[in-house]
Amino acid sequence: MRSSVHDEFLNETLPCLDLVYNLARRMVKDPHVVEDLVQETYTRAFEAWTSNRKPRNVEAWISTICLNLARSWLRKASTRRELPTDEIADGGSSSTVESEALQRLGSDAVHTALKELPEEQRVAITLMDLNGFTAKETARITGSPRNTVLSRVHRGRKRLASLLEKKVMIDDEA
């Protein structure tokens, strides 16, 4: 019986491995920590699975586990002052920022701008824009109302665009 539970778990969760890895990588840049987060995510998911707490939406469920672990790690690292300035992961591009501007800026500028967003906005943008979750799924993962998620994404995109615009202007003047 143990083998069938294990096989069922793997069949349901292994297709989510890339999603979990990318989510961890977007939250934390250190590849060793990312690997630890992915491993711990699957360990906790398996423990829950074997205690008959199987989710309806495996992607959202396992993403929630990963997101909560990453948040805990970031919180602990920042209180110990172990979080280097480049530790929060590169968030990629926002759908409202022109690709030409992003190419001119490079990933370092986007990374820096994304780090400046409040955590709630960064998480919402990471889940929706970079990992393709819907607003409803993002709301379930973060435990926030759908409209709050939409507001965070909207405000985060605007702030990200503003930060990147300022960077372009500064670079043009130099």
N, C-alpha and C. Protein backbone atom coordinates (compact mmCIF):
# COMPACT_ATOMS: atom_id res chain seq x y z
N MET A 1 0.83 -1.20 0.00
CA MET A 1 0.00 0.00 0.00
C MET A 1 0.88 1.26 0.00
N ARG A 2 1.96 1.22 0.73
CA ARG A 2 2.85 2.38 0.82
C ARG A 2 3.34 2.77 -0.57
N SER A 3 3.63 1.77 -1.38
CA SER A 3 4.14 2.01 -2.72
C SER A 3 3.09 2.70 -3.59
N SER A 4 1.83 2.30 -3.46
CA SER A 4 0.78 2.91 -4.29
C SER A 4 0.55 4.37 -3.90
N VAL A 5 0.66 4.70 -2.63
CA VAL A 5 0.52 6.08 -2.18
C VAL A 5 1.68 6.91 -2.72
N HIS A 6 2.86 6.33 -2.65
CA HIS A 6 4.05 7.01 -3.16
C HIS A 6 3.93 7.24 -4.67
N ASP A 7 3.50 6.21 -5.40
CA ASP A 7 3.33 6.34 -6.85
C ASP A 7 2.26 7.37 -7.20
N GLU A 8 1.17 7.35 -6.46
CA GLU A 8 0.09 8.32 -6.69
C GLU A 8 0.61 9.75 -6.46
N PHE A 9 1.35 9.92 -5.37
CA PHE A 9 1.92 11.24 -5.07
C PHE A 9 2.82 11.71 -6.20
N LEU A 10 3.72 10.84 -6.63
CA LEU A 10 4.65 11.22 -7.71
C LEU A 10 3.91 11.52 -9.01
N ASN A 11 2.93 10.71 -9.34
CA ASN A 11 2.15 10.95 -10.57
C ASN A 11 1.45 12.30 -10.55
N GLU A 12 0.97 12.69 -9.39
CA GLU A 12 0.23 13.95 -9.28
C GLU A 12 1.14 15.17 -9.13
N THR A 13 2.26 15.01 -8.46
CA THR A 13 3.07 16.19 -8.13
C THR A 13 4.30 16.41 -9.00
N LEU A 14 4.85 15.36 -9.59
CA LEU A 14 6.05 15.55 -10.42
C LEU A 14 5.82 16.49 -11.61
N PRO A 15 4.63 16.50 -12.22
CA PRO A 15 4.42 17.48 -13.29
C PRO A 15 4.53 18.93 -12.81
N CYS A 16 4.46 19.14 -11.51
CA CYS A 16 4.55 20.49 -10.93
C CYS A 16 5.98 20.87 -10.54
N LEU A 17 6.93 19.99 -10.75
CA LEU A 17 8.30 20.23 -10.29
C LEU A 17 8.90 21.50 -10.88
N ASP A 18 8.74 21.71 -12.18
CA ASP A 18 9.28 22.93 -12.80
C ASP A 18 8.62 24.17 -12.22
N LEU A 19 7.32 24.10 -12.00
CA LEU A 19 6.59 25.22 -11.42
C LEU A 19 7.13 25.55 -10.03
N VAL A 20 7.30 24.54 -9.20
CA VAL A 20 7.80 24.74 -7.84
C VAL A 20 9.22 25.30 -7.88
N TYR A 21 10.05 24.74 -8.73
CA TYR A 21 11.43 25.21 -8.84
C TYR A 21 11.47 26.68 -9.28
N ASN A 22 10.70 27.02 -10.31
CA ASN A 22 10.69 28.40 -10.81
C ASN A 22 10.14 29.37 -9.78
N LEU A 23 9.13 28.95 -9.04
CA LEU A 23 8.58 29.82 -7.99
C LEU A 23 9.64 30.07 -6.92
N ALA A 24 10.31 29.02 -6.49
CA ALA A 24 11.37 29.18 -5.48
C ALA A 24 12.49 30.06 -6.02
N ARG A 25 12.85 29.87 -7.27
CA ARG A 25 13.93 30.65 -7.88
C ARG A 25 13.55 32.12 -8.00
N ARG A 26 12.28 32.40 -8.21
CA ARG A 26 11.83 33.79 -8.31
C ARG A 26 11.83 34.48 -6.94
N MET A 27 11.66 33.70 -5.91
CA MET A 27 11.63 34.27 -4.56
C MET A 27 13.03 34.37 -3.95
N VAL A 28 13.88 33.40 -4.23
CA VAL A 28 15.21 33.33 -3.62
C VAL A 28 16.22 33.03 -4.72
N LYS A 29 17.29 33.78 -4.76
CA LYS A 29 18.24 33.63 -5.86
C LYS A 29 19.28 32.54 -5.63
N ASP A 30 19.69 32.32 -4.42
CA ASP A 30 20.74 31.34 -4.12
C ASP A 30 20.29 29.94 -4.57
N PRO A 31 20.99 29.34 -5.53
CA PRO A 31 20.57 28.04 -6.06
C PRO A 31 20.53 26.93 -5.01
N HIS A 32 21.39 27.00 -4.01
CA HIS A 32 21.38 25.99 -2.95
C HIS A 32 20.12 26.11 -2.10
N VAL A 33 19.73 27.33 -1.81
CA VAL A 33 18.51 27.55 -1.04
C VAL A 33 17.30 27.15 -1.87
N VAL A 34 17.32 27.45 -3.16
CA VAL A 34 16.22 27.05 -4.05
C VAL A 34 16.05 25.54 -4.01
N GLU A 35 17.15 24.81 -4.13
CA GLU A 35 17.08 23.34 -4.08
C GLU A 35 16.53 22.87 -2.74
N ASP A 36 16.96 23.49 -1.65
CA ASP A 36 16.45 23.14 -0.33
C ASP A 36 14.95 23.40 -0.23
N LEU A 37 14.51 24.54 -0.77
CA LEU A 37 13.09 24.87 -0.72
C LEU A 37 12.26 23.87 -1.52
N VAL A 38 12.74 23.49 -2.68
CA VAL A 38 12.02 22.51 -3.51
C VAL A 38 11.95 21.17 -2.78
N GLN A 39 13.06 20.75 -2.21
CA GLN A 39 13.09 19.48 -1.49
C GLN A 39 12.15 19.52 -0.28
N GLU A 40 12.20 20.60 0.48
CA GLU A 40 11.32 20.72 1.65
C GLU A 40 9.85 20.81 1.23
N THR A 41 9.59 21.47 0.11
CA THR A 41 8.22 21.55 -0.41
C THR A 41 7.68 20.15 -0.67
N TYR A 42 8.46 19.34 -1.36
CA TYR A 42 8.01 17.99 -1.68
C TYR A 42 7.94 17.10 -0.44
N THR A 43 8.82 17.31 0.51
CA THR A 43 8.77 16.55 1.76
C THR A 43 7.47 16.85 2.51
N ARG A 44 7.17 18.11 2.64
CA ARG A 44 5.94 18.50 3.36
C ARG A 44 4.70 18.08 2.59
N ALA A 45 4.75 18.19 1.28
CA ALA A 45 3.61 17.77 0.47
C ALA A 45 3.36 16.28 0.63
N PHE A 46 4.43 15.50 0.63
CA PHE A 46 4.28 14.05 0.79
C PHE A 46 3.73 13.70 2.16
N GLU A 47 4.20 14.38 3.19
CA GLU A 47 3.68 14.14 4.54
C GLU A 47 2.18 14.41 4.59
N ALA A 48 1.76 15.49 3.97
CA ALA A 48 0.33 15.81 3.95
C ALA A 48 -0.43 14.78 3.12
N TRP A 49 0.16 14.38 2.01
CA TRP A 49 -0.48 13.42 1.11
C TRP A 49 -0.72 12.08 1.81
N THR A 50 0.28 11.63 2.57
CA THR A 50 0.16 10.33 3.23
C THR A 50 -0.81 10.38 4.41
N SER A 51 -1.15 11.56 4.87
CA SER A 51 -2.14 11.66 5.94
C SER A 51 -3.52 11.95 5.36
N ASN A 52 -3.70 11.57 4.09
CA ASN A 52 -4.98 11.68 3.39
C ASN A 52 -5.52 13.09 3.27
N ARG A 53 -4.61 14.06 3.15
CA ARG A 53 -5.04 15.44 2.91
C ARG A 53 -4.70 15.80 1.47
N LYS A 54 -5.34 15.12 0.54
CA LYS A 54 -5.06 15.33 -0.87
C LYS A 54 -5.85 16.54 -1.38
N PRO A 55 -5.18 17.40 -2.11
CA PRO A 55 -5.82 18.64 -2.58
C PRO A 55 -6.65 18.43 -3.84
N ARG A 56 -7.54 19.37 -4.08
CA ARG A 56 -8.29 19.37 -5.35
C ARG A 56 -7.42 19.89 -6.48
N ASN A 57 -6.69 20.97 -6.21
CA ASN A 57 -5.83 21.59 -7.21
C ASN A 57 -4.38 21.42 -6.76
N VAL A 58 -3.71 20.43 -7.31
CA VAL A 58 -2.36 20.08 -6.88
C VAL A 58 -1.38 21.23 -7.13
N GLU A 59 -1.49 21.89 -8.28
CA GLU A 59 -0.57 23.00 -8.60
C GLU A 59 -0.66 24.12 -7.57
N ALA A 60 -1.88 24.54 -7.28
CA ALA A 60 -2.06 25.63 -6.32
C ALA A 60 -1.60 25.20 -4.93
N TRP A 61 -1.91 23.97 -4.56
CA TRP A 61 -1.56 23.45 -3.24
C TRP A 61 -0.04 23.40 -3.04
N ILE A 62 0.66 22.81 -4.00
CA ILE A 62 2.11 22.67 -3.85
C ILE A 62 2.80 24.02 -3.99
N SER A 63 2.23 24.92 -4.79
CA SER A 63 2.78 26.28 -4.89
C SER A 63 2.64 27.03 -3.58
N THR A 64 1.53 26.83 -2.90
CA THR A 64 1.31 27.46 -1.60
C THR A 64 2.35 26.99 -0.59
N ILE A 65 2.62 25.70 -0.59
CA ILE A 65 3.63 25.17 0.32
C ILE A 65 4.98 25.82 0.03
N CYS A 66 5.35 25.86 -1.23
CA CYS A 66 6.64 26.44 -1.63
C CYS A 66 6.71 27.93 -1.27
N LEU A 67 5.65 28.65 -1.57
CA LEU A 67 5.61 30.09 -1.29
C LEU A 67 5.75 30.35 0.20
N ASN A 68 5.05 29.60 1.02
CA ASN A 68 5.14 29.77 2.47
C ASN A 68 6.54 29.45 2.99
N LEU A 69 7.15 28.42 2.46
CA LEU A 69 8.52 28.09 2.87
C LEU A 69 9.50 29.19 2.46
N ALA A 70 9.34 29.71 1.25
CA ALA A 70 10.23 30.79 0.78
C ALA A 70 10.05 32.04 1.63
N ARG A 71 8.82 32.36 1.94
CA ARG A 71 8.57 33.53 2.80
C ARG A 71 9.22 33.36 4.16
N SER A 72 9.08 32.17 4.72
CA SER A 72 9.69 31.91 6.03
C SER A 72 11.21 32.05 5.95
N TRP A 73 11.80 31.51 4.90
CA TRP A 73 13.24 31.61 4.75
C TRP A 73 13.67 33.07 4.62
N LEU A 74 12.97 33.84 3.79
CA LEU A 74 13.30 35.26 3.61
C LEU A 74 13.16 36.03 4.91
N ARG A 75 12.11 35.73 5.65
CA ARG A 75 11.88 36.42 6.93
C ARG A 75 13.01 36.09 7.91
N LYS A 76 13.34 34.82 8.02
CA LYS A 76 14.41 34.41 8.95
C LYS A 76 15.76 34.98 8.52
N ALA A 77 16.04 34.95 7.23
CA ALA A 77 17.31 35.47 6.73
C ALA A 77 17.43 36.96 6.97
N SER A 78 16.34 37.69 6.81
CA SER A 78 16.41 39.14 6.99
C SER A 78 16.54 39.51 8.46
N THR A 79 15.98 38.72 9.36
CA THR A 79 16.13 39.03 10.79
C THR A 79 17.53 38.69 11.27
N ARG A 80 18.19 37.75 10.60
CA ARG A 80 19.57 37.42 10.96
C ARG A 80 20.55 38.27 10.17
N ARG A 81 20.04 39.14 9.32
CA ARG A 81 20.86 40.00 8.47
C ARG A 81 21.78 39.19 7.57
N GLU A 82 21.27 38.06 7.10
CA GLU A 82 22.05 37.21 6.21
C GLU A 82 21.61 37.37 4.77
N LEU A 83 20.70 38.25 4.51
CA LEU A 83 20.13 38.37 3.18
C LEU A 83 20.91 39.39 2.37
N PRO A 84 21.77 38.94 1.45
CA PRO A 84 22.50 39.89 0.62
C PRO A 84 21.53 40.65 -0.27
N THR A 85 21.97 41.78 -0.78
CA THR A 85 21.09 42.60 -1.59
C THR A 85 20.64 41.90 -2.85
N ASP A 86 21.38 40.92 -3.33
CA ASP A 86 20.96 40.23 -4.54
C ASP A 86 20.24 38.92 -4.24
N GLU A 87 19.83 38.70 -3.01
CA GLU A 87 19.26 37.42 -2.64
C GLU A 87 17.83 37.23 -3.13
N ILE A 88 17.04 38.28 -3.14
CA ILE A 88 15.67 38.13 -3.61
C ILE A 88 15.74 37.96 -5.11
N ALA A 89 15.05 36.95 -5.60
CA ALA A 89 15.28 36.51 -6.97
C ALA A 89 14.78 37.48 -8.02
N ASP A 90 15.36 37.33 -9.19
CA ASP A 90 14.98 38.10 -10.37
C ASP A 90 13.54 37.77 -10.71
N GLY A 91 12.71 38.76 -10.79
CA GLY A 91 11.32 38.53 -11.06
C GLY A 91 10.97 38.53 -12.50
N GLY A 92 11.88 38.85 -13.40
CA GLY A 92 11.55 38.87 -14.81
C GLY A 92 10.84 40.13 -15.17
N SER A 93 10.10 40.08 -16.24
CA SER A 93 9.47 41.29 -16.76
C SER A 93 8.00 41.35 -16.44
N SER A 94 7.48 42.52 -16.39
CA SER A 94 6.06 42.75 -16.21
C SER A 94 5.41 42.87 -17.57
N SER A 95 4.15 42.46 -17.67
CA SER A 95 3.50 42.47 -18.96
C SER A 95 3.22 43.88 -19.46
N THR A 96 3.29 44.89 -18.61
CA THR A 96 2.97 46.24 -19.04
C THR A 96 4.20 47.06 -19.39
N VAL A 97 5.38 46.54 -19.20
CA VAL A 97 6.61 47.26 -19.50
C VAL A 97 7.06 46.87 -20.90
N GLU A 98 7.39 47.86 -21.71
CA GLU A 98 7.76 47.56 -23.09
C GLU A 98 9.03 46.73 -23.15
N SER A 99 9.02 45.75 -24.06
CA SER A 99 10.16 44.84 -24.14
C SER A 99 11.44 45.56 -24.56
N GLU A 100 11.33 46.60 -25.36
CA GLU A 100 12.52 47.34 -25.77
C GLU A 100 13.22 47.97 -24.57
N ALA A 101 12.43 48.55 -23.68
CA ALA A 101 13.00 49.16 -22.48
C ALA A 101 13.66 48.09 -21.61
N LEU A 102 13.04 46.93 -21.52
CA LEU A 102 13.62 45.86 -20.73
C LEU A 102 14.93 45.38 -21.32
N GLN A 103 14.99 45.30 -22.63
CA GLN A 103 16.24 44.87 -23.27
C GLN A 103 17.35 45.87 -22.99
N ARG A 104 17.01 47.15 -23.02
CA ARG A 104 18.00 48.19 -22.75
C ARG A 104 18.47 48.13 -21.31
N LEU A 105 17.57 47.81 -20.44
CA LEU A 105 17.91 47.80 -19.01
C LEU A 105 18.69 46.57 -18.60
N GLY A 106 18.33 45.44 -19.14
CA GLY A 106 18.97 44.20 -18.73
C GLY A 106 18.33 43.64 -17.48
N SER A 107 18.63 42.40 -17.19
CA SER A 107 17.98 41.72 -16.08
C SER A 107 18.37 42.29 -14.72
N ASP A 108 19.55 42.88 -14.61
CA ASP A 108 19.95 43.45 -13.31
C ASP A 108 19.03 44.58 -12.89
N ALA A 109 18.66 45.44 -13.83
CA ALA A 109 17.77 46.56 -13.51
C ALA A 109 16.38 46.06 -13.14
N VAL A 110 15.90 45.07 -13.87
CA VAL A 110 14.58 44.50 -13.57
C VAL A 110 14.63 43.83 -12.20
N HIS A 111 15.69 43.10 -11.95
CA HIS A 111 15.89 42.43 -10.66
C HIS A 111 15.86 43.45 -9.52
N THR A 112 16.59 44.53 -9.70
CA THR A 112 16.66 45.58 -8.68
C THR A 112 15.29 46.22 -8.47
N ALA A 113 14.60 46.51 -9.56
CA ALA A 113 13.28 47.14 -9.46
C ALA A 113 12.29 46.21 -8.79
N LEU A 114 12.32 44.94 -9.13
CA LEU A 114 11.40 43.99 -8.53
C LEU A 114 11.64 43.87 -7.03
N LYS A 115 12.91 43.93 -6.61
CA LYS A 115 13.24 43.86 -5.18
C LYS A 115 12.65 45.04 -4.41
N GLU A 116 12.46 46.16 -5.10
CA GLU A 116 11.95 47.35 -4.43
C GLU A 116 10.45 47.31 -4.20
N LEU A 117 9.76 46.38 -4.83
CA LEU A 117 8.32 46.26 -4.63
C LEU A 117 8.04 45.66 -3.25
N PRO A 118 6.92 46.04 -2.65
CA PRO A 118 6.53 45.37 -1.41
C PRO A 118 6.33 43.87 -1.68
N GLU A 119 6.54 43.05 -0.67
CA GLU A 119 6.47 41.59 -0.84
C GLU A 119 5.15 41.15 -1.46
N GLU A 120 4.03 41.72 -1.02
CA GLU A 120 2.72 41.30 -1.54
C GLU A 120 2.62 41.53 -3.04
N GLN A 121 3.13 42.66 -3.51
CA GLN A 121 3.09 42.96 -4.94
C GLN A 121 4.05 42.05 -5.70
N ARG A 122 5.23 41.84 -5.15
CA ARG A 122 6.23 40.98 -5.81
C ARG A 122 5.69 39.56 -5.93
N VAL A 123 5.07 39.05 -4.88
CA VAL A 123 4.53 37.69 -4.90
C VAL A 123 3.39 37.59 -5.92
N ALA A 124 2.49 38.56 -5.91
CA ALA A 124 1.36 38.53 -6.84
C ALA A 124 1.84 38.58 -8.29
N ILE A 125 2.80 39.44 -8.58
CA ILE A 125 3.34 39.53 -9.94
C ILE A 125 4.08 38.24 -10.31
N THR A 126 4.82 37.69 -9.37
CA THR A 126 5.54 36.45 -9.63
C THR A 126 4.57 35.32 -9.97
N LEU A 127 3.52 35.19 -9.19
CA LEU A 127 2.56 34.11 -9.42
C LEU A 127 1.77 34.31 -10.71
N MET A 128 1.24 35.51 -10.91
CA MET A 128 0.37 35.73 -12.07
C MET A 128 1.15 35.95 -13.37
N ASP A 129 2.07 36.88 -13.36
CA ASP A 129 2.75 37.25 -14.61
C ASP A 129 3.87 36.29 -14.99
N LEU A 130 4.54 35.74 -14.02
CA LEU A 130 5.70 34.92 -14.33
C LEU A 130 5.40 33.42 -14.28
N ASN A 131 4.42 33.02 -13.48
CA ASN A 131 4.08 31.60 -13.40
C ASN A 131 2.73 31.26 -14.01
N GLY A 132 1.99 32.26 -14.47
CA GLY A 132 0.77 32.02 -15.21
C GLY A 132 -0.45 31.62 -14.41
N PHE A 133 -0.45 31.85 -13.11
CA PHE A 133 -1.64 31.55 -12.32
C PHE A 133 -2.71 32.60 -12.59
N THR A 134 -3.96 32.20 -12.46
CA THR A 134 -5.06 33.15 -12.58
C THR A 134 -5.17 33.94 -11.28
N ALA A 135 -5.98 34.99 -11.31
CA ALA A 135 -6.19 35.78 -10.10
C ALA A 135 -6.83 34.92 -9.01
N LYS A 136 -7.75 34.06 -9.40
CA LYS A 136 -8.42 33.20 -8.43
C LYS A 136 -7.42 32.22 -7.79
N GLU A 137 -6.56 31.62 -8.61
CA GLU A 137 -5.55 30.70 -8.08
C GLU A 137 -4.54 31.44 -7.20
N THR A 138 -4.14 32.62 -7.62
CA THR A 138 -3.20 33.42 -6.83
C THR A 138 -3.82 33.79 -5.49
N ALA A 139 -5.10 34.11 -5.51
CA ALA A 139 -5.81 34.43 -4.26
C ALA A 139 -5.80 33.23 -3.32
N ARG A 140 -6.05 32.06 -3.87
CA ARG A 140 -6.06 30.85 -3.04
C ARG A 140 -4.67 30.57 -2.47
N ILE A 141 -3.64 30.74 -3.29
CA ILE A 141 -2.27 30.46 -2.85
C ILE A 141 -1.84 31.43 -1.76
N THR A 142 -2.16 32.72 -1.94
CA THR A 142 -1.70 33.73 -0.99
C THR A 142 -2.65 33.91 0.19
N GLY A 143 -3.85 33.37 0.08
CA GLY A 143 -4.83 33.55 1.15
C GLY A 143 -5.43 34.93 1.18
N SER A 144 -5.41 35.61 0.04
CA SER A 144 -5.95 36.96 -0.07
C SER A 144 -7.18 36.94 -0.97
N PRO A 145 -8.09 37.91 -0.79
CA PRO A 145 -9.23 37.99 -1.70
C PRO A 145 -8.77 38.27 -3.14
N ARG A 146 -9.54 37.79 -4.10
CA ARG A 146 -9.21 37.94 -5.52
C ARG A 146 -8.99 39.40 -5.89
N ASN A 147 -9.88 40.29 -5.46
CA ASN A 147 -9.74 41.70 -5.81
C ASN A 147 -8.48 42.32 -5.20
N THR A 148 -8.09 41.85 -4.04
CA THR A 148 -6.86 42.33 -3.43
C THR A 148 -5.66 41.91 -4.28
N VAL A 149 -5.69 40.68 -4.76
CA VAL A 149 -4.62 40.19 -5.64
C VAL A 149 -4.54 41.05 -6.89
N LEU A 150 -5.69 41.31 -7.51
CA LEU A 150 -5.71 42.13 -8.73
C LEU A 150 -5.18 43.53 -8.46
N SER A 151 -5.53 44.08 -7.32
CA SER A 151 -5.03 45.40 -6.94
C SER A 151 -3.52 45.38 -6.75
N ARG A 152 -3.01 44.35 -6.09
CA ARG A 152 -1.57 44.24 -5.87
C ARG A 152 -0.81 44.11 -7.19
N VAL A 153 -1.36 43.32 -8.10
CA VAL A 153 -0.71 43.16 -9.40
C VAL A 153 -0.72 44.48 -10.16
N HIS A 154 -1.87 45.15 -10.16
CA HIS A 154 -1.99 46.43 -10.87
C HIS A 154 -1.01 47.46 -10.30
N ARG A 155 -1.01 47.60 -8.99
CA ARG A 155 -0.11 48.58 -8.36
C ARG A 155 1.35 48.18 -8.53
N GLY A 156 1.62 46.90 -8.43
CA GLY A 156 2.99 46.42 -8.60
C GLY A 156 3.51 46.66 -10.01
N ARG A 157 2.66 46.42 -11.00
CA ARG A 157 3.06 46.67 -12.39
C ARG A 157 3.34 48.15 -12.62
N LYS A 158 2.46 48.99 -12.07
CA LYS A 158 2.65 50.44 -12.24
C LYS A 158 3.95 50.88 -11.58
N ARG A 159 4.19 50.39 -10.38
CA ARG A 159 5.41 50.78 -9.67
C ARG A 159 6.65 50.24 -10.38
N LEU A 160 6.58 49.02 -10.85
CA LEU A 160 7.70 48.43 -11.57
C LEU A 160 7.99 49.23 -12.84
N ALA A 161 6.95 49.59 -13.57
CA ALA A 161 7.13 50.40 -14.78
C ALA A 161 7.76 51.75 -14.44
N SER A 162 7.29 52.36 -13.36
CA SER A 162 7.82 53.66 -12.94
C SER A 162 9.30 53.55 -12.56
N LEU A 163 9.64 52.53 -11.81
CA LEU A 163 11.03 52.33 -11.41
C LEU A 163 11.93 52.10 -12.62
N LEU A 164 11.44 51.33 -13.57
CA LEU A 164 12.24 51.04 -14.76
C LEU A 164 12.35 52.27 -15.67
N GLU A 165 11.28 53.06 -15.72
CA GLU A 165 11.32 54.31 -16.50
C GLU A 165 12.40 55.24 -15.95
N LYS A 166 12.42 55.38 -14.63
CA LYS A 166 13.44 56.22 -14.00
C LYS A 166 14.83 55.72 -14.33
N LYS A 167 15.00 54.43 -14.34
CA LYS A 167 16.30 53.84 -14.65
C LYS A 167 16.70 54.17 -16.09
N VAL A 168 15.74 54.11 -17.03
CA VAL A 168 16.02 54.43 -18.43
C VAL A 168 16.43 55.88 -18.56
N MET A 169 15.72 56.78 -17.86
CA MET A 169 16.05 58.21 -17.93
C MET A 169 17.45 58.48 -17.37
N ILE A 170 17.78 57.84 -16.28
CA ILE A 170 19.10 58.03 -15.68
C ILE A 170 20.18 57.51 -16.63
N ASP A 171 19.94 56.36 -17.23
CA ASP A 171 20.91 55.80 -18.17
C ASP A 171 21.07 56.66 -19.41
N ASP A 172 19.97 57.27 -19.88
CA ASP A 172 20.03 58.13 -21.06
C ASP A 172 20.82 59.40 -20.79
N GLU A 173 20.74 59.90 -19.55
CA GLU A 173 21.45 61.12 -19.18
C GLU A 173 22.95 60.87 -19.03
N ALA A 174 23.29 59.67 -18.68
CA ALA A 174 24.72 59.35 -18.41
C ALA A 174 25.53 59.15 -19.67
